[in-house]
Amino acid sequence: MKTQVAEARAGVNPAPTERLRVLDLGTVAYGEALALQHRLVEQRRDGDTPDTLVLLEHPPVVTVGRGGDGAGLLCSRRELARRGIALFEVERGGQTTYHGPGQLVCYPILDLSALRKDLHWYLRSLEETIIRAVGRFGLNAIRREGLTGVWLPQGKLCAIGVAVRHWITFHGLALNVNGDLAAFALIDPCGLGEQGVTSMTATLGREVDMAEVREAVVQSFAEVFGFVLEAARHEESLEQLGWPKRWNMSGGS
């Protein structure tokens, strides 16, 4: 029992046997990505698709999770629209957050019944994934007691908000890599108040290559969850799933 508790805290899967498909979709509108997460959840439940890690960026959007009550929005909906920022109320945990260019968003579609039916373990494992990934860039990120996410002394680096249906996970995490953090002033991100947010670029004082970050996150995710990465051409995978070809797709595994 002590060993299992230690592994859960460290975010380590003791049985590294499952395969993981990685899809790098480039930039995708939030509404389309949400619909496709729902589709993938159903396909994973039916056994029609393997565990999948979706990587993408979103055009500017504010999302409000189950823990949000509207107080996290510090401007009017009209002001968001004027700035070209979409707004969605969604089923994930957490409160209000912002997604935009320069932020790496990861949506794991995992069957926890085959891994571990433990949401606490799952959240801590997501945190461990990011802690390890940004550590490869010389950043010593940490957890904070009683809070979900990953932090640096300068502020919150990665927001995490998940949902689970039939023990299949969706939604996920958003890592601030590059990009303008000014849009966070329009919200109270995840109820942080004055604690604020930061990015890898802001902390390191230099531009960070997004492709290198994606690779670090994928490798760390596989290590933490015990996955074997599946080599596949993303374009073929997308075509098999019937996803719109109009999307801006990038990368390959």
Protein backbone atom coordinates (compact mmCIF):
# COMPACT_ATOMS: atom_id res chain seq x y z
CA MET A 1 0.00 0.00 0.00
CA LYS A 2 2.81 2.45 0.85
CA THR A 3 4.36 1.84 -2.56
CA GLN A 4 1.07 2.55 -4.35
CA VAL A 5 0.61 5.79 -2.40
CA ALA A 6 4.15 6.91 -3.26
CA GLU A 7 3.57 6.13 -6.92
CA ALA A 8 0.30 8.06 -6.94
CA ARG A 9 1.96 11.10 -5.42
CA ALA A 10 4.82 10.93 -7.89
CA GLY A 11 2.46 10.47 -10.82
CA VAL A 12 4.01 7.17 -11.91
CA ASN A 13 2.12 4.33 -13.58
CA PRO A 14 3.59 1.07 -12.21
CA ALA A 15 2.51 -0.93 -15.29
CA PRO A 16 4.01 0.67 -18.46
CA THR A 17 2.31 -1.51 -21.06
CA GLU A 18 -0.33 0.50 -22.93
CA ARG A 19 0.17 2.17 -26.32
CA LEU A 20 -0.52 5.86 -26.89
CA ARG A 21 -1.42 7.57 -30.14
CA VAL A 22 -0.36 11.23 -30.38
CA LEU A 23 -2.23 13.64 -32.63
CA ASP A 24 -0.75 17.11 -33.23
CA LEU A 25 -3.55 19.17 -34.78
CA GLY A 26 -1.99 22.63 -35.02
CA THR A 27 -4.55 25.41 -34.47
CA VAL A 28 -8.18 24.35 -34.00
CA ALA A 29 -11.21 26.43 -33.01
CA TYR A 30 -12.37 25.57 -29.51
CA GLY A 31 -15.88 24.49 -30.46
CA GLU A 32 -14.60 22.05 -33.07
CA ALA A 33 -12.02 20.61 -30.70
CA LEU A 34 -14.69 20.14 -28.02
CA ALA A 35 -17.00 18.28 -30.41
CA LEU A 36 -14.16 16.02 -31.46
CA GLN A 37 -13.19 15.26 -27.89
CA HIS A 38 -16.75 14.05 -27.34
CA ARG A 39 -16.47 11.90 -30.43
CA LEU A 40 -13.15 10.42 -29.33
CA VAL A 41 -14.56 9.62 -25.88
CA GLU A 42 -17.32 7.58 -27.45
CA GLN A 43 -14.89 5.85 -29.79
CA ARG A 44 -12.57 5.02 -26.88
CA ARG A 45 -15.46 3.64 -24.85
CA ASP A 46 -16.49 1.43 -27.78
CA GLY A 47 -12.91 0.26 -28.30
CA ASP A 48 -12.68 1.85 -31.73
CA THR A 49 -9.63 3.98 -30.92
CA PRO A 50 -6.61 3.64 -28.57
CA ASP A 51 -5.70 5.98 -25.76
CA THR A 52 -4.89 9.27 -27.47
CA LEU A 53 -3.06 12.47 -26.58
CA VAL A 54 -4.31 15.44 -28.61
CA LEU A 55 -1.98 18.44 -28.90
CA LEU A 56 -3.15 21.76 -30.30
CA GLU A 57 -3.42 25.51 -29.93
CA HIS A 58 -6.64 27.51 -29.85
CA PRO A 59 -7.53 30.91 -31.25
CA PRO A 60 -8.35 33.28 -28.36
CA VAL A 61 -11.09 31.83 -26.14
CA VAL A 62 -12.25 32.03 -22.53
CA THR A 63 -13.74 28.89 -21.02
CA VAL A 64 -15.71 28.58 -17.79
CA GLY A 65 -15.69 25.21 -16.04
CA ARG A 66 -18.07 23.65 -13.55
CA GLY A 67 -16.48 25.57 -10.68
CA GLY A 68 -17.05 28.96 -12.36
CA ASP A 69 -19.99 31.16 -11.44
CA GLY A 70 -19.37 34.09 -13.80
CA ALA A 71 -17.37 36.03 -11.21
CA GLY A 72 -14.15 35.00 -12.93
CA LEU A 73 -14.97 37.13 -15.96
CA LEU A 74 -13.66 40.65 -15.33
CA CYS A 75 -15.11 42.21 -18.47
CA SER A 76 -18.39 42.06 -20.34
CA ARG A 77 -19.23 39.44 -22.93
CA ARG A 78 -19.52 42.31 -25.40
CA GLU A 79 -15.92 43.33 -24.66
CA LEU A 80 -14.73 39.78 -25.25
CA ALA A 81 -16.54 39.72 -28.57
CA ARG A 82 -15.07 43.10 -29.50
CA ARG A 83 -11.59 41.68 -28.91
CA GLY A 84 -12.38 38.58 -30.96
CA ILE A 85 -12.31 36.26 -27.95
CA ALA A 86 -14.85 33.43 -27.91
CA LEU A 87 -16.59 32.28 -24.71
CA PHE A 88 -17.63 28.73 -23.78
CA GLU A 89 -19.17 27.20 -20.67
CA VAL A 90 -17.95 23.61 -20.47
CA GLU A 91 -18.18 20.46 -18.36
CA ARG A 92 -14.57 20.34 -17.16
CA GLY A 93 -13.59 20.94 -13.57
CA GLY A 94 -12.10 24.26 -12.51
CA GLN A 95 -13.17 27.82 -13.00
CA THR A 96 -12.34 30.41 -15.67
CA THR A 97 -9.31 30.26 -17.93
CA TYR A 98 -7.98 31.63 -21.21
CA HIS A 99 -6.55 29.84 -24.23
CA GLY A 100 -4.72 31.51 -27.07
CA PRO A 101 -1.81 31.35 -29.52
CA GLY A 102 1.49 30.35 -27.94
CA GLN A 103 -0.20 28.11 -25.38
CA LEU A 104 0.13 24.34 -25.72
CA VAL A 105 -3.17 22.62 -24.98
CA CYS A 106 -3.25 18.87 -24.34
CA TYR A 107 -6.39 16.75 -24.31
CA PRO A 108 -5.72 13.18 -23.11
CA ILE A 109 -8.44 10.71 -24.10
CA LEU A 110 -7.59 7.85 -21.75
CA ASP A 111 -9.51 4.87 -20.44
CA LEU A 112 -8.80 5.05 -16.72
CA SER A 113 -10.49 1.71 -16.15
CA ALA A 114 -7.50 0.17 -17.94
CA LEU A 115 -4.94 2.36 -16.13
CA ARG A 116 -6.18 3.30 -12.66
CA LYS A 117 -9.64 4.40 -11.53
CA ASP A 118 -8.28 7.23 -9.42
CA LEU A 119 -8.88 10.87 -10.36
CA HIS A 120 -6.46 12.14 -7.73
CA TRP A 121 -3.72 9.99 -9.26
CA TYR A 122 -4.69 11.20 -12.73
CA LEU A 123 -4.47 14.90 -11.80
CA ARG A 124 -1.16 14.45 -10.00
CA SER A 125 0.15 12.54 -13.03
CA LEU A 126 -0.77 15.41 -15.34
CA GLU A 127 1.08 17.79 -13.02
CA GLU A 128 4.10 15.48 -12.97
CA THR A 129 4.09 15.37 -16.76
CA ILE A 130 4.46 19.15 -16.98
CA ILE A 131 6.95 19.37 -14.13
CA ARG A 132 9.21 16.90 -15.95
CA ALA A 133 8.67 18.48 -19.37
CA VAL A 134 9.56 22.04 -18.36
CA GLY A 135 12.43 20.72 -16.26
CA ARG A 136 14.13 19.84 -19.55
CA PHE A 137 14.26 23.59 -20.20
CA GLY A 138 15.81 24.39 -16.83
CA LEU A 139 12.58 25.36 -15.06
CA ASN A 140 11.93 24.04 -11.55
CA ALA A 141 8.15 23.93 -11.50
CA ILE A 142 6.20 22.83 -8.43
CA ARG A 143 2.76 21.90 -7.14
CA ARG A 144 0.94 23.99 -4.54
CA GLU A 145 -0.87 22.37 -1.65
CA GLY A 146 -4.63 22.30 -2.17
CA LEU A 147 -4.44 23.64 -5.73
CA THR A 148 -4.45 21.87 -9.08
CA GLY A 149 -1.89 22.95 -11.68
CA VAL A 150 1.81 23.66 -12.03
CA TRP A 151 3.58 26.73 -10.72
CA LEU A 152 6.74 28.78 -10.89
CA PRO A 153 7.66 31.51 -8.39
CA GLN A 154 6.42 34.08 -10.94
CA GLY A 155 2.93 32.56 -11.13
CA LYS A 156 0.87 29.71 -12.51
CA LEU A 157 2.46 28.10 -15.55
CA CYS A 158 -0.04 25.37 -16.39
CA ALA A 159 -3.79 25.15 -15.77
CA ILE A 160 -5.49 21.77 -15.47
CA GLY A 161 -9.20 21.06 -15.75
CA VAL A 162 -10.54 17.64 -16.64
CA ALA A 163 -13.76 15.75 -17.21
CA VAL A 164 -14.46 12.02 -17.13
CA ARG A 165 -17.25 10.06 -18.82
CA HIS A 166 -17.50 6.27 -18.46
CA TRP A 167 -13.99 6.53 -16.93
CA ILE A 168 -12.76 8.04 -20.21
CA THR A 169 -10.91 11.33 -19.70
CA PHE A 170 -11.22 14.48 -21.78
CA HIS A 171 -10.37 18.18 -21.49
CA GLY A 172 -6.92 18.43 -19.92
CA LEU A 173 -4.18 21.02 -19.50
CA ALA A 174 -2.92 24.29 -20.93
CA LEU A 175 0.78 25.14 -20.71
CA ASN A 176 1.79 28.78 -21.23
CA VAL A 177 4.78 28.60 -23.55
CA ASN A 178 4.98 31.78 -25.63
CA GLY A 179 2.34 34.34 -26.49
CA ASP A 180 0.85 37.40 -24.90
CA LEU A 181 -0.30 37.03 -21.30
CA ALA A 182 -2.22 40.31 -21.38
CA ALA A 183 -5.53 38.57 -22.13
CA PHE A 184 -5.42 36.97 -18.68
CA ALA A 185 -6.16 40.44 -17.29
CA LEU A 186 -9.70 40.01 -18.63
CA ILE A 187 -10.38 37.15 -16.21
CA ASP A 188 -9.58 35.95 -12.72
CA PRO A 189 -7.75 32.84 -13.96
CA CYS A 190 -8.91 29.82 -11.97
CA GLY A 191 -9.73 32.11 -9.04
CA LEU A 192 -6.08 33.05 -8.51
CA GLY A 193 -6.72 36.70 -7.76
CA GLU A 194 -3.42 38.57 -7.50
CA GLN A 195 -1.26 35.44 -7.77
CA GLY A 196 -1.28 35.71 -11.56
CA VAL A 197 0.09 33.59 -14.38
CA THR A 198 3.40 33.30 -16.18
CA SER A 199 4.85 31.56 -19.24
CA MET A 200 8.01 29.71 -20.15
CA THR A 201 9.15 32.61 -22.32
CA ALA A 202 8.45 35.22 -19.64
CA THR A 203 10.39 33.23 -17.06
CA LEU A 204 13.34 32.24 -19.24
CA GLY A 205 13.59 35.64 -20.91
CA ARG A 206 13.77 34.12 -24.38
CA GLU A 207 11.50 32.66 -27.03
CA VAL A 208 10.89 28.94 -26.60
CA ASP A 209 10.45 26.64 -29.59
CA MET A 210 6.93 25.19 -29.46
CA ALA A 211 7.96 22.03 -31.32
CA GLU A 212 10.57 21.29 -28.67
CA VAL A 213 7.99 21.81 -25.93
CA ARG A 214 5.52 19.48 -27.65
CA GLU A 215 8.18 16.80 -27.88
CA ALA A 216 9.13 17.23 -24.22
CA VAL A 217 5.49 17.01 -23.11
CA VAL A 218 4.83 13.90 -25.21
CA GLN A 219 7.92 12.12 -23.90
CA SER A 220 7.17 13.07 -20.29
CA PHE A 221 3.54 12.03 -20.65
CA ALA A 222 4.59 8.60 -21.91
CA GLU A 223 7.09 8.22 -19.07
CA VAL A 224 4.67 9.23 -16.33
CA PHE A 225 1.70 7.19 -17.54
CA GLY A 226 3.76 4.25 -18.74
CA PHE A 227 2.75 4.42 -22.40
CA VAL A 228 4.52 3.11 -25.45
CA LEU A 229 4.27 5.76 -28.17
CA GLU A 230 2.54 4.67 -31.34
CA ALA A 231 4.13 5.85 -34.58
CA ALA A 232 1.40 6.99 -37.00
CA ARG A 233 0.93 9.60 -39.67
CA HIS A 234 -1.45 12.13 -38.20
CA GLU A 235 -3.05 12.90 -41.53
CA GLU A 236 -4.00 9.24 -41.95
CA SER A 237 -5.38 9.05 -38.42
CA LEU A 238 -7.44 12.18 -38.93
CA GLU A 239 -8.80 10.90 -42.23
CA GLN A 240 -9.83 7.62 -40.61
CA LEU A 241 -11.68 9.56 -37.92
CA GLY A 242 -13.45 11.66 -40.54
CA TRP A 243 -12.16 14.95 -39.19
CA PRO A 244 -12.47 18.09 -41.33
CA LYS A 245 -9.52 18.61 -43.68
CA ARG A 246 -9.96 22.38 -43.42
CA TRP A 247 -8.18 22.36 -40.08
CA ASN A 248 -4.64 23.65 -39.84
CA MET A 249 -2.72 20.47 -39.00
CA SER A 250 0.95 20.35 -38.12
CA GLY A 251 3.55 17.87 -37.03
CA GLY A 252 3.77 14.10 -37.00
CA SER A 253 4.77 11.38 -34.60
